[in-house]
Amino acid sequence: MHNFSSTWYCVCFANLLYILAPIAALAAISPVHPFDLIYNYGIRYLTKTPQLPKRGAPSRFACGLGSVWLIVTALMFQSGNLTIGYILGGSLTFVALLVSTTDFCIPSMIYRSIFGFPPKR
């Protein structure tokens, strides 16, 4: 049985995930991630660093997978399946932290195991 505060929390958290899902979906269909645009047209001028390159198919596949994962996780929280929601959300957070800190992307490795390495640009 859930009380009002936990229900409110789950709805708010699900809504946040629903907001992030289209951003990930856009990154899946575009060679440039929306957050890369923020860096390329703003932050890099402050840090005097080079522009980020366009993303390849493995990275776009990872963003597409992430978009679906965000939606499923949001649905779990919204429907009250908190344990599954926390497991999915925790594992998504782990994968995101892994790629952010080590540049090792598990979904990109899955892409490469299925489709092989994309041709060099």
PDB file of N, CA and C in Angstrom:
ATOM      1  N   MET A   1       0.833  -1.166   0.000  1.00  0.00           N
ATOM      2  CA  MET A   1       0.000   0.000   0.000  1.00  0.00           C
ATOM      3  C   MET A   1       0.887   1.242   0.000  1.00  0.00           C
ATOM      4  N   HIS A   2       0.573   2.164  -0.884  1.00  0.00           N
ATOM      5  CA  HIS A   2       1.377   3.377  -1.024  1.00  0.00           C
ATOM      6  C   HIS A   2       0.650   4.549  -0.398  1.00  0.00           C
ATOM      7  N   ASN A   3       1.414   5.409   0.241  1.00  0.00           N
ATOM      8  CA  ASN A   3       0.804   6.622   0.757  1.00  0.00           C
ATOM      9  C   ASN A   3       0.903   7.733  -0.282  1.00  0.00           C
ATOM     10  N   PHE A   4       0.289   8.865   0.008  1.00  0.00           N
ATOM     11  CA  PHE A   4       0.242   9.960  -0.957  1.00  0.00           C
ATOM     12  C   PHE A   4       1.633  10.426  -1.363  1.00  0.00           C
ATOM     13  N   SER A   5       2.544  10.574  -0.408  1.00  0.00           N
ATOM     14  CA  SER A   5       3.866  11.115  -0.729  1.00  0.00           C
ATOM     15  C   SER A   5       4.646  10.191  -1.649  1.00  0.00           C
ATOM     16  N   SER A   6       4.579   8.881  -1.446  1.00  0.00           N
ATOM     17  CA  SER A   6       5.304   7.978  -2.339  1.00  0.00           C
ATOM     18  C   SER A   6       4.657   7.937  -3.714  1.00  0.00           C
ATOM     19  N   THR A   7       3.335   8.058  -3.789  1.00  0.00           N
ATOM     20  CA  THR A   7       2.650   8.100  -5.078  1.00  0.00           C
ATOM     21  C   THR A   7       3.031   9.369  -5.823  1.00  0.00           C
ATOM     22  N   TRP A   8       3.047  10.502  -5.125  1.00  0.00           N
ATOM     23  CA  TRP A   8       3.423  11.770  -5.729  1.00  0.00           C
ATOM     24  C   TRP A   8       4.862  11.703  -6.245  1.00  0.00           C
ATOM     25  N   TYR A   9       5.757  11.118  -5.448  1.00  0.00           N
ATOM     26  CA  TYR A   9       7.159  10.972  -5.824  1.00  0.00           C
ATOM     27  C   TYR A   9       7.283  10.148  -7.102  1.00  0.00           C
ATOM     28  N   CYS A  10       6.560   9.039  -7.177  1.00  0.00           N
ATOM     29  CA  CYS A  10       6.634   8.167  -8.350  1.00  0.00           C
ATOM     30  C   CYS A  10       6.117   8.856  -9.599  1.00  0.00           C
ATOM     31  N   VAL A  11       5.040   9.613  -9.466  1.00  0.00           N
ATOM     32  CA  VAL A  11       4.490  10.346 -10.618  1.00  0.00           C
ATOM     33  C   VAL A  11       5.469  11.411 -11.079  1.00  0.00           C
ATOM     34  N   CYS A  12       6.060  12.155 -10.138  1.00  0.00           N
ATOM     35  CA  CYS A  12       7.028  13.190 -10.503  1.00  0.00           C
ATOM     36  C   CYS A  12       8.264  12.584 -11.155  1.00  0.00           C
ATOM     37  N   PHE A  13       8.748  11.493 -10.593  1.00  0.00           N
ATOM     38  CA  PHE A  13       9.928  10.831 -11.144  1.00  0.00           C
ATOM     39  C   PHE A  13       9.628  10.288 -12.538  1.00  0.00           C
ATOM     40  N   ALA A  14       8.466   9.689 -12.716  1.00  0.00           N
ATOM     41  CA  ALA A  14       8.072   9.181 -14.034  1.00  0.00           C
ATOM     42  C   ALA A  14       8.004  10.328 -15.036  1.00  0.00           C
ATOM     43  N   ASN A  15       7.461  11.464 -14.635  1.00  0.00           N
ATOM     44  CA  ASN A  15       7.382  12.613 -15.539  1.00  0.00           C
ATOM     45  C   ASN A  15       8.761  13.107 -15.944  1.00  0.00           C
ATOM     46  N   LEU A  16       9.705  13.113 -15.019  1.00  0.00           N
ATOM     47  CA  LEU A  16      11.076  13.499 -15.341  1.00  0.00           C
ATOM     48  C   LEU A  16      11.669  12.543 -16.384  1.00  0.00           C
ATOM     49  N   LEU A  17      11.433  11.259 -16.210  1.00  0.00           N
ATOM     50  CA  LEU A  17      11.938  10.281 -17.178  1.00  0.00           C
ATOM     51  C   LEU A  17      11.274  10.462 -18.536  1.00  0.00           C
ATOM     52  N   TYR A  18       9.994  10.797 -18.544  1.00  0.00           N
ATOM     53  CA  TYR A  18       9.293  11.070 -19.806  1.00  0.00           C
ATOM     54  C   TYR A  18       9.864  12.304 -20.505  1.00  0.00           C
ATOM     55  N   ILE A  19      10.351  13.266 -19.749  1.00  0.00           N
ATOM     56  CA  ILE A  19      10.985  14.451 -20.342  1.00  0.00           C
ATOM     57  C   ILE A  19      12.332  14.085 -20.960  1.00  0.00           C
ATOM     58  N   LEU A  20      13.078  13.196 -20.307  1.00  0.00           N
ATOM     59  CA  LEU A  20      14.399  12.799 -20.809  1.00  0.00           C
ATOM     60  C   LEU A  20      14.317  11.879 -22.032  1.00  0.00           C
ATOM     61  N   ALA A  21      13.264  11.094 -22.138  1.00  0.00           N
ATOM     62  CA  ALA A  21      13.144  10.119 -23.225  1.00  0.00           C
ATOM     63  C   ALA A  21      13.196  10.759 -24.621  1.00  0.00           C
ATOM     64  N   PRO A  22      12.471  11.856 -24.888  1.00  0.00           N
ATOM     65  CA  PRO A  22      12.580  12.447 -26.228  1.00  0.00           C
ATOM     66  C   PRO A  22      13.967  13.010 -26.534  1.00  0.00           C
ATOM     67  N   ILE A  23      14.672  13.473 -25.506  1.00  0.00           N
ATOM     68  CA  ILE A  23      16.036  13.959 -25.712  1.00  0.00           C
ATOM     69  C   ILE A  23      16.915  12.803 -26.176  1.00  0.00           C
ATOM     70  N   ALA A  24      16.780  11.654 -25.518  1.00  0.00           N
ATOM     71  CA  ALA A  24      17.545  10.469 -25.924  1.00  0.00           C
ATOM     72  C   ALA A  24      17.118  10.000 -27.313  1.00  0.00           C
ATOM     73  N   ALA A  25      15.814  10.068 -27.609  1.00  0.00           N
ATOM     74  CA  ALA A  25      15.330   9.659 -28.931  1.00  0.00           C
ATOM     75  C   ALA A  25      15.874  10.582 -30.013  1.00  0.00           C
ATOM     76  N   LEU A  26      15.916  11.868 -29.738  1.00  0.00           N
ATOM     77  CA  LEU A  26      16.488  12.818 -30.693  1.00  0.00           C
ATOM     78  C   LEU A  26      17.965  12.519 -30.930  1.00  0.00           C
ATOM     79  N   ALA A  27      18.668  12.168 -29.876  1.00  0.00           N
ATOM     80  CA  ALA A  27      20.082  11.799 -30.014  1.00  0.00           C
ATOM     81  C   ALA A  27      20.247  10.512 -30.822  1.00  0.00           C
ATOM     82  N   ALA A  28      19.240   9.655 -30.811  1.00  0.00           N
ATOM     83  CA  ALA A  28      19.306   8.407 -31.572  1.00  0.00           C
ATOM     84  C   ALA A  28      19.140   8.637 -33.068  1.00  0.00           C
ATOM     85  N   ILE A  29      18.392   9.665 -33.445  1.00  0.00           N
ATOM     86  CA  ILE A  29      18.155   9.890 -34.874  1.00  0.00           C
ATOM     87  C   ILE A  29      19.044  10.972 -35.471  1.00  0.00           C
ATOM     88  N   SER A  30      19.781  11.674 -34.638  1.00  0.00           N
ATOM     89  CA  SER A  30      20.640  12.760 -35.095  1.00  0.00           C
ATOM     90  C   SER A  30      22.108  12.413 -34.850  1.00  0.00           C
ATOM     91  N   PRO A  31      22.989  12.822 -35.762  1.00  0.00           N
ATOM     92  CA  PRO A  31      24.417  12.562 -35.522  1.00  0.00           C
ATOM     93  C   PRO A  31      25.022  13.452 -34.441  1.00  0.00           C
ATOM     94  N   VAL A  32      24.242  14.418 -33.958  1.00  0.00           N
ATOM     95  CA  VAL A  32      24.726  15.302 -32.902  1.00  0.00           C
ATOM     96  C   VAL A  32      23.750  15.230 -31.727  1.00  0.00           C
ATOM     97  N   HIS A  33      24.249  14.865 -30.563  1.00  0.00           N
ATOM     98  CA  HIS A  33      23.424  14.799 -29.355  1.00  0.00           C
ATOM     99  C   HIS A  33      23.026  16.219 -28.956  1.00  0.00           C
ATOM    100  N   PRO A  34      21.777  16.418 -28.508  1.00  0.00           N
ATOM    101  CA  PRO A  34      21.370  17.770 -28.087  1.00  0.00           C
ATOM    102  C   PRO A  34      22.289  18.386 -27.032  1.00  0.00           C
ATOM    103  N   PHE A  35      22.816  17.602 -26.106  1.00  0.00           N
ATOM    104  CA  PHE A  35      23.721  18.138 -25.096  1.00  0.00           C
ATOM    105  C   PHE A  35      25.074  18.510 -25.701  1.00  0.00           C
ATOM    106  N   ASP A  36      25.461  17.836 -26.794  1.00  0.00           N
ATOM    107  CA  ASP A  36      26.693  18.215 -27.499  1.00  0.00           C
ATOM    108  C   ASP A  36      26.563  19.609 -28.101  1.00  0.00           C
ATOM    109  N   LEU A  37      25.353  19.975 -28.514  1.00  0.00           N
ATOM    110  CA  LEU A  37      25.128  21.313 -29.063  1.00  0.00           C
ATOM    111  C   LEU A  37      25.392  22.377 -28.009  1.00  0.00           C
ATOM    112  N   ILE A  38      24.979  22.104 -26.777  1.00  0.00           N
ATOM    113  CA  ILE A  38      25.242  23.044 -25.686  1.00  0.00           C
ATOM    114  C   ILE A  38      26.743  23.233 -25.508  1.00  0.00           C
ATOM    115  N   TYR A  39      27.472  22.126 -25.586  1.00  0.00           N
ATOM    116  CA  TYR A  39      28.931  22.198 -25.463  1.00  0.00           C
ATOM    117  C   TYR A  39      29.539  22.903 -26.674  1.00  0.00           C
ATOM    118  N   ASN A  40      29.159  22.451 -27.882  1.00  0.00           N
ATOM    119  CA  ASN A  40      29.782  22.966 -29.101  1.00  0.00           C
ATOM    120  C   ASN A  40      29.523  24.448 -29.346  1.00  0.00           C
ATOM    121  N   TYR A  41      28.351  24.932 -28.949  1.00  0.00           N
ATOM    122  CA  TYR A  41      28.012  26.330 -29.219  1.00  0.00           C
ATOM    123  C   TYR A  41      28.083  27.226 -27.986  1.00  0.00           C
ATOM    124  N   GLY A  42      28.615  26.705 -26.897  1.00  0.00           N
ATOM    125  CA  GLY A  42      28.714  27.516 -25.693  1.00  0.00           C
ATOM    126  C   GLY A  42      29.925  27.206 -24.851  1.00  0.00           C
ATOM    127  N   ILE A  43      29.898  26.060 -24.198  1.00  0.00           N
ATOM    128  CA  ILE A  43      30.913  25.724 -23.198  1.00  0.00           C
ATOM    129  C   ILE A  43      32.320  25.680 -23.775  1.00  0.00           C
ATOM    130  N   ARG A  44      32.463  25.162 -24.979  1.00  0.00           N
ATOM    131  CA  ARG A  44      33.823  25.011 -25.531  1.00  0.00           C
ATOM    132  C   ARG A  44      34.522  26.347 -25.749  1.00  0.00           C
ATOM    133  N   TYR A  45      33.745  27.415 -25.942  1.00  0.00           N
ATOM    134  CA  TYR A  45      34.353  28.736 -26.093  1.00  0.00           C
ATOM    135  C   TYR A  45      34.888  29.246 -24.765  1.00  0.00           C
ATOM    136  N   LEU A  46      34.231  28.849 -23.685  1.00  0.00           N
ATOM    137  CA  LEU A  46      34.712  29.233 -22.363  1.00  0.00           C
ATOM    138  C   LEU A  46      35.939  28.424 -21.962  1.00  0.00           C
ATOM    139  N   THR A  47      35.960  27.144 -22.359  1.00  0.00           N
ATOM    140  CA  THR A  47      37.063  26.257 -21.982  1.00  0.00           C
ATOM    141  C   THR A  47      38.179  26.226 -23.019  1.00  0.00           C
ATOM    142  N   LYS A  48      37.943  26.869 -24.184  1.00  0.00           N
ATOM    143  CA  LYS A  48      38.924  26.904 -25.276  1.00  0.00           C
ATOM    144  C   LYS A  48      39.341  25.487 -25.691  1.00  0.00           C
ATOM    145  N   THR A  49      38.341  24.628 -25.883  1.00  0.00           N
ATOM    146  CA  THR A  49      38.565  23.243 -26.291  1.00  0.00           C
ATOM    147  C   THR A  49      37.914  23.002 -27.650  1.00  0.00           C
ATOM    148  N   PRO A  50      38.325  21.938 -28.347  1.00  0.00           N
ATOM    149  CA  PRO A  50      37.775  21.697 -29.680  1.00  0.00           C
ATOM    150  C   PRO A  50      36.319  21.229 -29.647  1.00  0.00           C
ATOM    151  N   GLN A  51      35.681  21.346 -30.800  1.00  0.00           N
ATOM    152  CA  GLN A  51      34.291  20.920 -30.962  1.00  0.00           C
ATOM    153  C   GLN A  51      34.197  19.397 -30.848  1.00  0.00           C
ATOM    154  N   LEU A  52      33.092  18.910 -30.288  1.00  0.00           N
ATOM    155  CA  LEU A  52      32.866  17.466 -30.204  1.00  0.00           C
ATOM    156  C   LEU A  52      32.510  16.936 -31.587  1.00  0.00           C
ATOM    157  N   PRO A  53      32.989  15.744 -31.944  1.00  0.00           N
ATOM    158  CA  PRO A  53      32.661  15.186 -33.261  1.00  0.00           C
ATOM    159  C   PRO A  53      31.228  14.664 -33.315  1.00  0.00           C
ATOM    160  N   LYS A  54      30.755  14.422 -34.529  1.00  0.00           N
ATOM    161  CA  LYS A  54      29.442  13.807 -34.697  1.00  0.00           C
ATOM    162  C   LYS A  54      29.496  12.388 -34.172  1.00  0.00           C
ATOM    163  N   ARG A  55      28.358  11.881 -33.750  1.00  0.00           N
ATOM    164  CA  ARG A  55      28.279  10.546 -33.159  1.00  0.00           C
ATOM    165  C   ARG A  55      27.969   9.514 -34.233  1.00  0.00           C
ATOM    166  N   GLY A  56      28.565   8.344 -34.072  1.00  0.00           N
ATOM    167  CA  GLY A  56      28.358   7.262 -35.014  1.00  0.00           C
ATOM    168  C   GLY A  56      27.163   6.388 -34.650  1.00  0.00           C
ATOM    169  N   ALA A  57      26.964   5.364 -35.445  1.00  0.00           N
ATOM    170  CA  ALA A  57      25.824   4.457 -35.261  1.00  0.00           C
ATOM    171  C   ALA A  57      25.808   3.784 -33.888  1.00  0.00           C
ATOM    172  N   PRO A  58      26.938   3.311 -33.347  1.00  0.00           N
ATOM    173  CA  PRO A  58      26.884   2.680 -32.024  1.00  0.00           C
ATOM    174  C   PRO A  58      26.372   3.619 -30.934  1.00  0.00           C
ATOM    175  N   SER A  59      26.803   4.858 -30.968  1.00  0.00           N
ATOM    176  CA  SER A  59      26.350   5.826 -29.975  1.00  0.00           C
ATOM    177  C   SER A  59      24.873   6.150 -30.160  1.00  0.00           C
ATOM    178  N   ARG A  60      24.435   6.278 -31.401  1.00  0.00           N
ATOM    179  CA  ARG A  60      23.013   6.549 -31.653  1.00  0.00           C
ATOM    180  C   ARG A  60      22.150   5.360 -31.237  1.00  0.00           C
ATOM    181  N   PHE A  61      22.650   4.139 -31.452  1.00  0.00           N
ATOM    182  CA  PHE A  61      21.952   2.935 -30.994  1.00  0.00           C
ATOM    183  C   PHE A  61      21.810   2.973 -29.474  1.00  0.00           C
ATOM    184  N   ALA A  62      22.879   3.366 -28.789  1.00  0.00           N
ATOM    185  CA  ALA A  62      22.858   3.451 -27.324  1.00  0.00           C
ATOM    186  C   ALA A  62      21.811   4.466 -26.865  1.00  0.00           C
ATOM    187  N   CYS A  63      21.717   5.591 -27.546  1.00  0.00           N
ATOM    188  CA  CYS A  63      20.717   6.599 -27.180  1.00  0.00           C
ATOM    189  C   CYS A  63      19.299   6.093 -27.438  1.00  0.00           C
ATOM    190  N   GLY A  64      19.107   5.354 -28.525  1.00  0.00           N
ATOM    191  CA  GLY A  64      17.791   4.768 -28.796  1.00  0.00           C
ATOM    192  C   GLY A  64      17.404   3.763 -27.727  1.00  0.00           C
ATOM    193  N   LEU A  65      18.358   2.928 -27.348  1.00  0.00           N
ATOM    194  CA  LEU A  65      18.119   1.963 -26.283  1.00  0.00           C
ATOM    195  C   LEU A  65      17.815   2.687 -24.970  1.00  0.00           C
ATOM    196  N   GLY A  66      18.557   3.752 -24.706  1.00  0.00           N
ATOM    197  CA  GLY A  66      18.324   4.539 -23.502  1.00  0.00           C
ATOM    198  C   GLY A  66      16.943   5.182 -23.487  1.00  0.00           C
ATOM    199  N   SER A  67      16.476   5.622 -24.648  1.00  0.00           N
ATOM    200  CA  SER A  67      15.151   6.227 -24.741  1.00  0.00           C
ATOM    201  C   SER A  67      14.062   5.221 -24.380  1.00  0.00           C
ATOM    202  N   VAL A  68      14.170   4.028 -24.927  1.00  0.00           N
ATOM    203  CA  VAL A  68      13.201   2.973 -24.608  1.00  0.00           C
ATOM    204  C   VAL A  68      13.287   2.610 -23.125  1.00  0.00           C
ATOM    205  N   TRP A  69      14.507   2.502 -22.620  1.00  0.00           N
ATOM    206  CA  TRP A  69      14.740   2.165 -21.213  1.00  0.00           C
ATOM    207  C   TRP A  69      14.116   3.210 -20.289  1.00  0.00           C
ATOM    208  N   LEU A  70      14.257   4.488 -20.644  1.00  0.00           N
ATOM    209  CA  LEU A  70      13.653   5.555 -19.845  1.00  0.00           C
ATOM    210  C   LEU A  70      12.136   5.434 -19.810  1.00  0.00           C
ATOM    211  N   ILE A  71      11.530   5.143 -20.953  1.00  0.00           N
ATOM    212  CA  ILE A  71      10.068   5.022 -21.018  1.00  0.00           C
ATOM    213  C   ILE A  71       9.588   3.833 -20.197  1.00  0.00           C
ATOM    214  N   VAL A  72      10.257   2.701 -20.331  1.00  0.00           N
ATOM    215  CA  VAL A  72       9.852   1.517 -19.573  1.00  0.00           C
ATOM    216  C   VAL A  72      10.023   1.761 -18.076  1.00  0.00           C
ATOM    217  N   THR A  73      11.107   2.396 -17.693  1.00  0.00           N
ATOM    218  CA  THR A  73      11.327   2.709 -16.279  1.00  0.00           C
ATOM    219  C   THR A  73      10.236   3.650 -15.761  1.00  0.00           C
ATOM    220  N   ALA A  74       9.902   4.660 -16.538  1.00  0.00           N
ATOM    221  CA  ALA A  74       8.835   5.587 -16.147  1.00  0.00           C
ATOM    222  C   ALA A  74       7.504   4.851 -15.997  1.00  0.00           C
ATOM    223  N   LEU A  75       7.220   3.955 -16.924  1.00  0.00           N
ATOM    224  CA  LEU A  75       5.977   3.180 -16.837  1.00  0.00           C
ATOM    225  C   LEU A  75       5.933   2.327 -15.571  1.00  0.00           C
ATOM    226  N   MET A  76       7.065   1.776 -15.186  1.00  0.00           N
ATOM    227  CA  MET A  76       7.109   0.965 -13.970  1.00  0.00           C
ATOM    228  C   MET A  76       6.807   1.815 -12.737  1.00  0.00           C
ATOM    229  N   PHE A  77       7.413   2.997 -12.653  1.00  0.00           N
ATOM    230  CA  PHE A  77       7.122   3.881 -11.521  1.00  0.00           C
ATOM    231  C   PHE A  77       5.675   4.343 -11.542  1.00  0.00           C
ATOM    232  N   GLN A  78       5.198   4.686 -12.717  1.00  0.00           N
ATOM    233  CA  GLN A  78       3.833   5.200 -12.839  1.00  0.00           C
ATOM    234  C   GLN A  78       2.790   4.148 -12.469  1.00  0.00           C
ATOM    235  N   SER A  79       3.092   2.892 -12.785  1.00  0.00           N
ATOM    236  CA  SER A  79       2.129   1.824 -12.503  1.00  0.00           C
ATOM    237  C   SER A  79       2.291   1.238 -11.101  1.00  0.00           C
ATOM    238  N   GLY A  80       3.252   1.740 -10.323  1.00  0.00           N
ATOM    239  CA  GLY A  80       3.434   1.286  -8.955  1.00  0.00           C
ATOM    240  C   GLY A  80       4.376   0.107  -8.796  1.00  0.00           C
ATOM    241  N   ASN A  81       5.025  -0.305  -9.871  1.00  0.00           N
ATOM    242  CA  ASN A  81       6.017  -1.395  -9.795  1.00  0.00           C
ATOM    243  C   ASN A  81       7.361  -0.801  -9.384  1.00  0.00           C
ATOM    244  N   LEU A  82       7.435  -0.395  -8.125  1.00  0.00           N
ATOM    245  CA  LEU A  82       8.596   0.351  -7.654  1.00  0.00           C
ATOM    246  C   LEU A  82       9.885  -0.454  -7.692  1.00  0.00           C
ATOM    247  N   THR A  83       9.825  -1.714  -7.315  1.00  0.00           N
ATOM    248  CA  THR A  83      11.042  -2.528  -7.294  1.00  0.00           C
ATOM    249  C   THR A  83      11.642  -2.633  -8.690  1.00  0.00           C
ATOM    250  N   ILE A  84      10.807  -2.926  -9.669  1.00  0.00           N
ATOM    251  CA  ILE A  84      11.306  -3.018 -11.053  1.00  0.00           C
ATOM    252  C   ILE A  84      11.784  -1.651 -11.520  1.00  0.00           C
ATOM    253  N   GLY A  85      11.044  -0.593 -11.160  1.00  0.00           N
ATOM    254  CA  GLY A  85      11.458   0.759 -11.526  1.00  0.00           C
ATOM    255  C   GLY A  85      12.820   1.113 -10.963  1.00  0.00           C
ATOM    256  N   TYR A  86      13.043   0.786  -9.701  1.00  0.00           N
ATOM    257  CA  TYR A  86      14.348   1.070  -9.090  1.00  0.00           C
ATOM    258  C   TYR A  86      15.460   0.224  -9.706  1.00  0.00           C
ATOM    259  N   ILE A  87      15.179  -1.021 -10.037  1.00  0.00           N
ATOM    260  CA  ILE A  87      16.195  -1.872 -10.669  1.00  0.00           C
ATOM    261  C   ILE A  87      16.561  -1.320 -12.047  1.00  0.00           C
ATOM    262  N   LEU A  88      15.536  -0.991 -12.841  1.00  0.00           N
ATOM    263  CA  LEU A  88      15.793  -0.435 -14.172  1.00  0.00           C
ATOM    264  C   LEU A  88      16.495   0.922 -14.075  1.00  0.00           C
ATOM    265  N   GLY A  89      16.003   1.778 -13.182  1.00  0.00           N
ATOM    266  CA  GLY A  89      16.609   3.094 -13.021  1.00  0.00           C
ATOM    267  C   GLY A  89      18.035   3.019 -12.500  1.00  0.00           C
ATOM    268  N   GLY A  90      18.274   2.132 -11.561  1.00  0.00           N
ATOM    269  CA  GLY A  90      19.623   1.968 -11.027  1.00  0.00           C
ATOM    270  C   GLY A  90      20.589   1.440 -12.062  1.00  0.00           C
ATOM    271  N   SER A  91      20.144   0.475 -12.856  1.00  0.00           N
ATOM    272  CA  SER A  91      21.039  -0.073 -13.877  1.00  0.00           C
ATOM    273  C   SER A  91      21.284   0.946 -14.989  1.00  0.00           C
ATOM    274  N   LEU A  92      20.274   1.744 -15.338  1.00  0.00           N
ATOM    275  CA  LEU A  92      20.475   2.804 -16.330  1.00  0.00           C
ATOM    276  C   LEU A  92      21.454   3.846 -15.802  1.00  0.00           C
ATOM    277  N   THR A  93      21.327   4.193 -14.541  1.00  0.00           N
ATOM    278  CA  THR A  93      22.258   5.140 -13.928  1.00  0.00           C
ATOM    279  C   THR A  93      23.673   4.577 -13.937  1.00  0.00           C
ATOM    280  N   PHE A  94      23.816   3.293 -13.625  1.00  0.00           N
ATOM    281  CA  PHE A  94      25.141   2.653 -13.642  1.00  0.00           C
ATOM    282  C   PHE A  94      25.757   2.718 -15.033  1.00  0.00           C
ATOM    283  N   VAL A  95      24.972   2.376 -16.062  1.00  0.00           N
ATOM    284  CA  VAL A  95      25.487   2.381 -17.437  1.00  0.00           C
ATOM    285  C   VAL A  95      25.882   3.803 -17.837  1.00  0.00           C
ATOM    286  N   ALA A  96      25.063   4.793 -17.465  1.00  0.00           N
ATOM    287  CA  ALA A  96      25.374   6.186 -17.798  1.00  0.00           C
ATOM    288  C   ALA A  96      26.636   6.668 -17.072  1.00  0.00           C
ATOM    289  N   LEU A  97      26.776   6.303 -15.801  1.00  0.00           N
ATOM    290  CA  LEU A  97      27.981   6.682 -15.066  1.00  0.00           C
ATOM    291  C   LEU A  97      29.220   5.995 -15.632  1.00  0.00           C
ATOM    292  N   LEU A  98      29.067   4.752 -16.045  1.00  0.00           N
ATOM    293  CA  LEU A  98      30.197   4.014 -16.617  1.00  0.00           C
ATOM    294  C   LEU A  98      30.712   4.696 -17.881  1.00  0.00           C
ATOM    295  N   VAL A  99      29.802   5.043 -18.784  1.00  0.00           N
ATOM    296  CA  VAL A  99      30.249   5.683 -20.021  1.00  0.00           C
ATOM    297  C   VAL A  99      30.764   7.096 -19.751  1.00  0.00           C
ATOM    298  N   SER A 100      30.206   7.772 -18.771  1.00  0.00           N
ATOM    299  CA  SER A 100      30.639   9.140 -18.455  1.00  0.00           C
ATOM    300  C   SER A 100      32.023   9.181 -17.830  1.00  0.00           C
ATOM    301  N   THR A 101      32.371   8.148 -17.073  1.00  0.00           N
ATOM    302  CA  THR A 101      33.648   8.171 -16.348  1.00  0.00           C
ATOM    303  C   THR A 101      34.755   7.375 -17.026  1.00  0.00           C
ATOM    304  N   THR A 102      34.397   6.354 -17.807  1.00  0.00           N
ATOM    305  CA  THR A 102      35.431   5.503 -18.410  1.00  0.00           C
ATOM    306  C   THR A 102      35.377   5.477 -19.930  1.00  0.00           C
ATOM    307  N   ASP A 103      34.338   6.063 -20.523  1.00  0.00           N
ATOM    308  CA  ASP A 103      34.104   6.030 -21.973  1.00  0.00           C
ATOM    309  C   ASP A 103      33.865   4.602 -22.470  1.00  0.00           C
ATOM    310  N   PHE A 104      33.443   3.717 -21.571  1.00  0.00           N
ATOM    311  CA  PHE A 104      33.068   2.339 -21.936  1.00  0.00           C
ATOM    312  C   PHE A 104      31.550   2.281 -21.993  1.00  0.00           C
ATOM    313  N   CYS A 105      31.008   2.085 -23.193  1.00  0.00           N
ATOM    314  CA  CYS A 105      29.567   2.134 -23.408  1.00  0.00           C
ATOM    315  C   CYS A 105      29.046   0.729 -23.706  1.00  0.00           C
ATOM    316  N   ILE A 106      28.332   0.160 -22.762  1.00  0.00           N
ATOM    317  CA  ILE A 106      27.802  -1.194 -22.915  1.00  0.00           C
ATOM    318  C   ILE A 106      26.846  -1.299 -24.105  1.00  0.00           C
ATOM    319  N   PRO A 107      25.881  -0.366 -24.290  1.00  0.00           N
ATOM    320  CA  PRO A 107      25.010  -0.478 -25.466  1.00  0.00           C
ATOM    321  C   PRO A 107      25.773  -0.395 -26.795  1.00  0.00           C
ATOM    322  N   SER A 108      26.827   0.405 -26.848  1.00  0.00           N
ATOM    323  CA  SER A 108      27.639   0.464 -28.073  1.00  0.00           C
ATOM    324  C   SER A 108      28.336  -0.866 -28.326  1.00  0.00           C
ATOM    325  N   MET A 109      28.756  -1.526 -27.261  1.00  0.00           N
ATOM    326  CA  MET A 109      29.377  -2.850 -27.415  1.00  0.00           C
ATOM    327  C   MET A 109      28.345  -3.867 -27.906  1.00  0.00           C
ATOM    328  N   ILE A 110      27.113  -3.743 -27.434  1.00  0.00           N
ATOM    329  CA  ILE A 110      26.039  -4.615 -27.923  1.00  0.00           C
ATOM    330  C   ILE A 110      25.832  -4.370 -29.414  1.00  0.00           C
ATOM    331  N   TYR A 111      25.797  -3.097 -29.824  1.00  0.00           N
ATOM    332  CA  TYR A 111      25.649  -2.765 -31.236  1.00  0.00           C
ATOM    333  C   TYR A 111      26.761  -3.436 -32.061  1.00  0.00           C
ATOM    334  N   ARG A 112      27.996  -3.277 -31.591  1.00  0.00           N
ATOM    335  CA  ARG A 112      29.137  -3.825 -32.329  1.00  0.00           C
ATOM    336  C   ARG A 112      29.115  -5.354 -32.381  1.00  0.00           C
ATOM    337  N   SER A 113      28.579  -5.992 -31.344  1.00  0.00           N
ATOM    338  CA  SER A 113      28.505  -7.458 -31.352  1.00  0.00           C
ATOM    339  C   SER A 113      27.432  -7.945 -32.327  1.00  0.00           C
ATOM    340  N   ILE A 114      26.401  -7.143 -32.560  1.00  0.00           N
ATOM    341  CA  ILE A 114      25.338  -7.519 -33.492  1.00  0.00           C
ATOM    342  C   ILE A 114      25.680  -7.136 -34.934  1.00  0.00           C
ATOM    343  N   PHE A 115      26.117  -5.895 -35.138  1.00  0.00           N
ATOM    344  CA  PHE A 115      26.302  -5.349 -36.486  1.00  0.00           C
ATOM    345  C   PHE A 115      27.756  -5.212 -36.909  1.00  0.00           C
ATOM    346  N   GLY A 116      28.681  -5.466 -36.004  1.00  0.00           N
ATOM    347  CA  GLY A 116      30.096  -5.270 -36.312  1.00  0.00           C
ATOM    348  C   GLY A 116      30.479  -3.813 -36.146  1.00  0.00           C
ATOM    349  N   PHE A 117      31.726  -3.531 -36.384  1.00  0.00           N
ATOM    350  CA  PHE A 117      32.228  -2.171 -36.241  1.00  0.00           C
ATOM    351  C   PHE A 117      31.831  -1.359 -37.477  1.00  0.00           C
ATOM    352  N   PRO A 118      31.368  -0.139 -37.286  1.00  0.00           N
ATOM    353  CA  PRO A 118      31.029   0.681 -38.441  1.00  0.00           C
ATOM    354  C   PRO A 118      32.301   1.105 -39.190  1.00  0.00           C
ATOM    355  N   PRO A 119      32.170   1.427 -40.474  1.00  0.00           N
ATOM    356  CA  PRO A 119      33.371   1.849 -41.214  1.00  0.00           C
ATOM    357  C   PRO A 119      33.934   3.147 -40.642  1.00  0.00           C
ATOM    358  N   LYS A 120      35.253   3.299 -40.775  1.00  0.00           N
ATOM    359  CA  LYS A 120      35.907   4.505 -40.284  1.00  0.00           C
ATOM    360  C   LYS A 120      35.464   5.686 -41.123  1.00  0.00           C
ATOM    361  N   ARG A 121      35.346   6.832 -40.441  1.00  0.00           N
ATOM    362  CA  ARG A 121      34.932   8.056 -41.163  1.00  0.00           C
ATOM    363  C   ARG A 121      36.120   8.798 -41.663  1.00  0.00           C
TER     364      ARG A 121
END
